[in-house]
Amino acid sequence: MKIFPFKIPKPLDEHLIVQVDKEPIFYNRLHQHEEIQISYIINGKGKLLVGDSIHQFSTGDIFVIASNLPHVFKSIQEQQDAHMLSVFFTKNSFGTNFFELPYLKDLDSFIISSSGGFKVTSNKKHIAQQLLEIKSQQKLKLFISFLELLEELSKANKEPLSKFIYSKTLSSTDGERLQDIFDFVFKNFQQPISLDEIAKMAYMTPNAFCRFFKQRTDKTFFQFLIELRVAHACQLLISNKELNINMIAERSGFNSISNFNKKFKKIKGITPTQYQQTLLS
């Protein structure tokens, strides 16, 4: 299967797709598709790479991923299977100008926010219940429940996922190359990674690699690497409270505590210690 584009399997007469994924890990290949994706993490945790950003995900999270925005859920395998419920649709699923109807004005917030994707940060239990109910509905009831879901998502507080908007699909070759780069970095981010090493792995010169990566992710390779390390540190701060800050810095790939504190604060706005204290308060 080609990484770009990824086709959502659907019958010819279906415009709204409800999909349940329950496996040891989620589909972990970088991919993009025309459909807007609304996903509820019923069980599982890991990192979500989406567009130009890296986020944590865990049980109970709800994400909206924009059309054609490259993304991958990198699960941490646990005793229980990872479990996700997703709804897929396009802006034209119900007609070219459907979402421009005056009756749907209240959905404007959702449509605008979905252009870069977002994570839901309020009213999650109610929205999760709506998604679970949609799974068993058909035809008219499904359509009505879907509009009610979009209304709740419009009103919910949101955390943007990506600032980089993809206007077109990436080629299969570019997608495969990015996949190889991301796979290598996810496996090795806890160790030093040099520009020469990653460029050689991608069969490019360092200069060509820097241009390739920046043009397709809107950030430098080392910005991406540092964000991945900080995201991993956040997971350790949340789930491994027995580890001290020095141990977390080392396990996240930072070679000094001062560099860890500096990079963490630049990305999160607070120090690792302050971040951990907010979790305990």
Protein backbone atom coordinates (compact mmCIF):
# COMPACT_ATOMS: atom_id res chain seq x y z
CA MET A 1 0.00 0.00 0.00
CA LYS A 2 1.36 3.41 -0.91
CA ILE A 3 1.79 5.83 1.96
CA PHE A 4 0.52 8.83 0.01
CA PRO A 5 -2.36 9.06 -0.58
CA PHE A 6 -4.19 6.70 1.77
CA LYS A 7 -7.68 5.69 0.68
CA ILE A 8 -10.39 5.30 3.32
CA PRO A 9 -12.27 2.09 2.41
CA LYS A 10 -15.95 2.84 1.85
CA PRO A 11 -18.97 1.62 -0.13
CA LEU A 12 -19.88 3.72 -3.15
CA ASP A 13 -23.10 5.01 -1.59
CA GLU A 14 -21.60 5.96 1.78
CA HIS A 15 -20.61 9.59 2.43
CA LEU A 16 -19.94 9.31 6.15
CA ILE A 17 -17.59 6.56 7.31
CA VAL A 18 -17.42 5.26 10.88
CA GLN A 19 -14.37 3.08 11.54
CA VAL A 20 -13.25 1.18 14.63
CA ASP A 21 -9.57 0.25 15.01
CA LYS A 22 -8.68 -2.29 17.70
CA GLU A 23 -5.20 -3.76 17.32
CA PRO A 24 -2.00 -4.11 19.38
CA ILE A 25 -1.01 -0.74 17.85
CA PHE A 26 -2.73 1.79 15.59
CA TYR A 27 -1.94 2.01 11.89
CA ASN A 28 1.54 3.49 12.27
CA ARG A 29 2.45 4.53 8.74
CA LEU A 30 2.65 8.20 7.85
CA HIS A 31 -0.33 8.89 5.61
CA GLN A 32 -2.79 11.51 4.41
CA HIS A 33 -6.29 11.33 2.97
CA GLU A 34 -8.90 13.66 1.56
CA GLU A 35 -11.30 13.06 4.43
CA ILE A 36 -11.45 15.12 7.62
CA GLN A 37 -10.93 12.68 10.50
CA ILE A 38 -12.54 12.86 13.95
CA SER A 39 -10.94 10.30 16.28
CA TYR A 40 -11.69 9.25 19.85
CA ILE A 41 -8.97 7.28 21.67
CA ILE A 42 -10.94 4.66 23.59
CA ASN A 43 -7.75 3.01 24.80
CA GLY A 44 -4.07 3.58 24.11
CA LYS A 45 -1.27 6.09 24.38
CA GLY A 46 1.69 7.30 22.36
CA LYS A 47 2.70 10.18 20.12
CA LEU A 48 0.76 11.78 17.30
CA LEU A 49 2.84 13.25 14.50
CA VAL A 50 0.61 15.60 12.51
CA GLY A 51 1.72 18.16 9.94
CA ASP A 52 4.53 20.14 11.54
CA SER A 53 3.84 19.13 15.15
CA ILE A 54 4.19 16.32 17.66
CA HIS A 55 1.56 15.71 20.35
CA GLN A 56 0.92 13.13 23.02
CA PHE A 57 -2.24 11.07 22.95
CA SER A 58 -3.80 8.90 25.62
CA THR A 59 -7.10 7.27 26.54
CA GLY A 60 -9.98 9.74 26.35
CA ASP A 61 -8.41 12.14 23.86
CA ILE A 62 -10.37 13.43 20.86
CA PHE A 63 -8.67 14.77 17.74
CA VAL A 64 -9.82 16.37 14.50
CA ILE A 65 -7.30 15.93 11.68
CA ALA A 66 -7.56 18.12 8.60
CA SER A 67 -8.01 16.97 5.03
CA ASN A 68 -4.71 15.95 3.39
CA LEU A 69 -2.72 16.62 6.58
CA PRO A 70 -0.01 13.93 6.91
CA HIS A 71 -0.23 12.17 10.26
CA VAL A 72 0.64 9.01 12.13
CA PHE A 73 -0.35 7.62 15.54
CA LYS A 74 2.75 6.01 17.07
CA SER A 75 1.29 3.77 19.75
CA ILE A 76 3.01 2.38 22.80
CA GLN A 77 2.09 -1.31 22.88
CA GLU A 78 0.45 -2.33 26.14
CA GLN A 79 -1.32 -5.37 27.55
CA GLN A 80 -4.62 -4.18 26.10
CA ASP A 81 -5.15 -3.49 22.41
CA ALA A 82 -5.11 0.10 21.20
CA HIS A 83 -8.72 1.10 20.48
CA MET A 84 -9.88 4.10 18.42
CA LEU A 85 -13.19 5.17 16.92
CA SER A 86 -13.00 7.50 13.90
CA VAL A 87 -15.47 9.34 11.69
CA PHE A 88 -14.38 10.33 8.17
CA PHE A 89 -16.02 12.81 5.80
CA THR A 90 -15.13 15.53 3.30
CA LYS A 91 -16.44 19.06 2.94
CA ASN A 92 -18.21 17.86 -0.21
CA SER A 93 -19.61 14.60 1.17
CA PHE A 94 -23.12 16.05 1.24
CA GLY A 95 -22.85 18.45 -1.70
CA THR A 96 -20.41 21.10 -2.88
CA ASN A 97 -21.87 23.97 -0.86
CA PHE A 98 -23.45 22.00 1.97
CA PHE A 99 -21.46 23.60 4.81
CA GLU A 100 -22.15 27.07 3.38
CA LEU A 101 -25.88 26.79 4.01
CA PRO A 102 -27.11 29.51 6.39
CA TYR A 103 -28.74 26.83 8.55
CA LEU A 104 -25.26 25.52 9.38
CA LYS A 105 -23.76 28.85 10.43
CA ASP A 106 -23.18 27.50 13.94
CA LEU A 107 -20.66 25.02 12.49
CA ASP A 108 -18.33 27.76 11.20
CA SER A 109 -16.02 27.39 14.21
CA PHE A 110 -15.54 23.71 13.45
CA ILE A 111 -14.90 24.28 9.74
CA ILE A 112 -12.33 27.02 10.41
CA SER A 113 -10.53 25.11 13.18
CA SER A 114 -10.46 21.87 11.19
CA SER A 115 -8.24 23.45 8.52
CA GLY A 116 -5.19 22.79 10.71
CA GLY A 117 -6.70 20.15 12.95
CA PHE A 118 -7.25 20.38 16.70
CA LYS A 119 -7.40 18.49 19.97
CA VAL A 120 -10.58 18.84 22.03
CA THR A 121 -9.88 20.21 25.52
CA SER A 122 -13.38 20.60 27.00
CA ASN A 123 -16.65 18.65 27.23
CA LYS A 124 -14.79 15.50 26.17
CA LYS A 125 -17.03 13.00 27.98
CA HIS A 126 -20.17 14.24 26.22
CA ILE A 127 -18.49 14.34 22.81
CA ALA A 128 -17.02 10.86 23.37
CA GLN A 129 -20.50 9.55 24.17
CA GLN A 130 -21.83 11.10 20.96
CA LEU A 131 -19.13 9.33 18.98
CA LEU A 132 -19.89 6.00 20.65
CA GLU A 133 -23.58 6.38 19.83
CA ILE A 134 -22.85 7.23 16.19
CA LYS A 135 -21.15 3.85 15.80
CA SER A 136 -24.46 1.98 15.96
CA GLN A 137 -26.66 4.38 13.98
CA GLN A 138 -27.65 4.38 10.32
CA LYS A 139 -28.98 6.69 7.61
CA LEU A 140 -31.09 9.60 8.93
CA LYS A 141 -30.28 9.12 12.62
CA LEU A 142 -26.60 8.87 11.78
CA PHE A 143 -26.73 12.09 9.76
CA ILE A 144 -28.59 13.99 12.50
CA SER A 145 -26.20 12.74 15.18
CA PHE A 146 -23.27 13.73 12.99
CA LEU A 147 -24.50 17.33 12.74
CA GLU A 148 -25.06 17.42 16.50
CA LEU A 149 -21.49 16.15 16.97
CA LEU A 150 -20.11 18.94 14.77
CA GLU A 151 -22.14 21.46 16.76
CA GLU A 152 -20.58 20.25 20.04
CA LEU A 153 -17.12 20.28 18.48
CA SER A 154 -17.72 23.86 17.32
CA LYS A 155 -18.50 24.93 20.89
CA ALA A 156 -15.68 22.98 22.55
CA ASN A 157 -12.37 24.50 23.57
CA LYS A 158 -9.61 23.52 21.17
CA GLU A 159 -5.83 23.17 21.03
CA PRO A 160 -4.50 23.58 17.46
CA LEU A 161 -2.53 20.63 16.11
CA SER A 162 -0.65 22.16 13.20
CA LYS A 163 0.12 25.57 11.74
CA PHE A 164 1.29 24.15 8.43
CA ILE A 165 -1.57 23.76 5.95
CA TYR A 166 -1.03 21.26 3.16
CA SER A 167 -2.61 22.44 -0.09
CA LYS A 168 -1.86 19.28 -2.06
CA THR A 169 -1.00 15.66 -1.58
CA LEU A 170 2.63 14.61 -1.39
CA SER A 171 4.09 12.19 -3.90
CA SER A 172 4.45 8.52 -3.02
CA THR A 173 8.24 8.85 -3.25
CA ASP A 174 8.34 11.81 -0.86
CA GLY A 175 5.98 10.02 1.49
CA GLU A 176 8.10 6.88 1.59
CA ARG A 177 11.24 8.93 2.22
CA LEU A 178 9.59 10.86 5.06
CA GLN A 179 8.30 7.59 6.50
CA ASP A 180 11.83 6.16 6.58
CA ILE A 181 13.12 9.35 8.24
CA PHE A 182 10.38 9.37 10.89
CA ASP A 183 10.76 5.64 11.58
CA PHE A 184 14.50 6.10 12.12
CA VAL A 185 14.04 9.12 14.39
CA PHE A 186 11.29 7.51 16.48
CA LYS A 187 13.56 4.52 17.08
CA ASN A 188 16.72 6.53 17.78
CA PHE A 189 15.72 9.92 19.24
CA GLN A 190 17.07 8.95 22.67
CA GLN A 191 20.56 8.75 21.13
CA PRO A 192 22.63 11.50 19.44
CA ILE A 193 21.65 11.92 15.76
CA SER A 194 23.93 13.95 13.51
CA LEU A 195 22.91 15.74 10.33
CA ASP A 196 25.38 13.62 8.35
CA GLU A 197 23.88 10.43 9.76
CA ILE A 198 20.23 11.27 8.99
CA ALA A 199 21.10 12.67 5.54
CA LYS A 200 23.02 9.50 4.67
CA MET A 201 20.07 7.38 5.80
CA ALA A 202 17.85 9.38 3.39
CA TYR A 203 20.44 9.00 0.57
CA MET A 204 20.94 12.79 0.37
CA THR A 205 23.66 15.31 0.97
CA PRO A 206 23.21 17.29 4.22
CA ASN A 207 22.20 20.45 2.30
CA ALA A 208 19.71 18.60 0.10
CA PHE A 209 18.25 16.84 3.14
CA CYS A 210 17.77 20.14 5.02
CA ARG A 211 15.90 21.64 2.06
CA PHE A 212 13.78 18.52 1.56
CA PHE A 213 12.76 18.30 5.22
CA LYS A 214 12.03 22.02 5.66
CA GLN A 215 9.91 22.24 2.50
CA ARG A 216 7.74 19.29 3.54
CA THR A 217 7.39 19.89 7.28
CA ASP A 218 7.81 23.67 7.59
CA LYS A 219 10.55 23.24 10.19
CA THR A 220 14.16 22.17 10.42
CA PHE A 221 15.08 18.58 11.21
CA PHE A 222 16.53 19.53 14.59
CA GLN A 223 13.39 21.47 15.52
CA PHE A 224 11.43 18.29 14.82
CA LEU A 225 13.89 16.17 16.81
CA ILE A 226 13.77 18.47 19.84
CA GLU A 227 9.95 18.56 19.78
CA LEU A 228 9.87 14.77 19.70
CA ARG A 229 12.24 14.58 22.67
CA VAL A 230 10.18 17.12 24.63
CA ALA A 231 6.96 15.22 23.83
CA HIS A 232 8.56 12.03 25.14
CA ALA A 233 9.71 13.86 28.27
CA CYS A 234 6.12 15.03 28.85
CA GLN A 235 4.92 11.44 28.70
CA LEU A 236 7.54 10.40 31.24
CA LEU A 237 6.61 13.30 33.53
CA ILE A 238 2.98 12.16 33.38
CA SER A 239 3.38 8.38 33.66
CA ASN A 240 6.71 7.84 35.47
CA LYS A 241 6.59 10.02 38.56
CA GLU A 242 9.32 7.94 40.22
CA LEU A 243 11.87 9.30 37.73
CA ASN A 244 13.70 12.50 38.61
CA ILE A 245 14.25 15.33 36.11
CA ASN A 246 17.83 14.27 35.34
CA MET A 247 16.70 10.74 34.47
CA ILE A 248 13.87 12.03 32.31
CA ALA A 249 16.23 14.34 30.43
CA GLU A 250 18.62 11.47 29.75
CA ARG A 251 15.87 9.07 28.65
CA SER A 252 14.49 11.74 26.29
CA GLY A 253 17.78 12.21 24.45
CA PHE A 254 19.13 15.39 26.08
CA ASN A 255 22.82 15.44 26.92
CA SER A 256 22.56 17.96 29.77
CA ILE A 257 19.93 19.07 32.27
CA SER A 258 20.47 22.75 31.41
CA ASN A 259 19.84 22.11 27.70
CA PHE A 260 16.77 20.03 28.59
CA ASN A 261 15.31 22.79 30.78
CA LYS A 262 16.01 25.43 28.12
CA LYS A 263 14.44 23.51 25.22
CA PHE A 264 11.49 22.31 27.31
CA LYS A 265 10.63 25.83 28.46
CA LYS A 266 10.95 27.23 24.93
CA ILE A 267 8.37 24.73 23.63
CA LYS A 268 6.05 24.39 26.63
CA GLY A 269 6.43 27.83 28.20
CA ILE A 270 7.28 26.37 31.62
CA THR A 271 10.11 24.28 33.07
CA PRO A 272 9.84 20.47 33.39
CA THR A 273 9.49 20.85 37.17
CA GLN A 274 6.65 23.36 36.78
CA TYR A 275 5.00 21.07 34.21
CA GLN A 276 5.13 18.16 36.64
CA GLN A 277 3.77 20.30 39.48
CA THR A 278 0.74 21.31 37.37
CA LEU A 279 -0.04 17.61 36.91
CA LEU A 280 0.05 17.02 40.66
CA SER A 281 -2.01 20.07 41.61
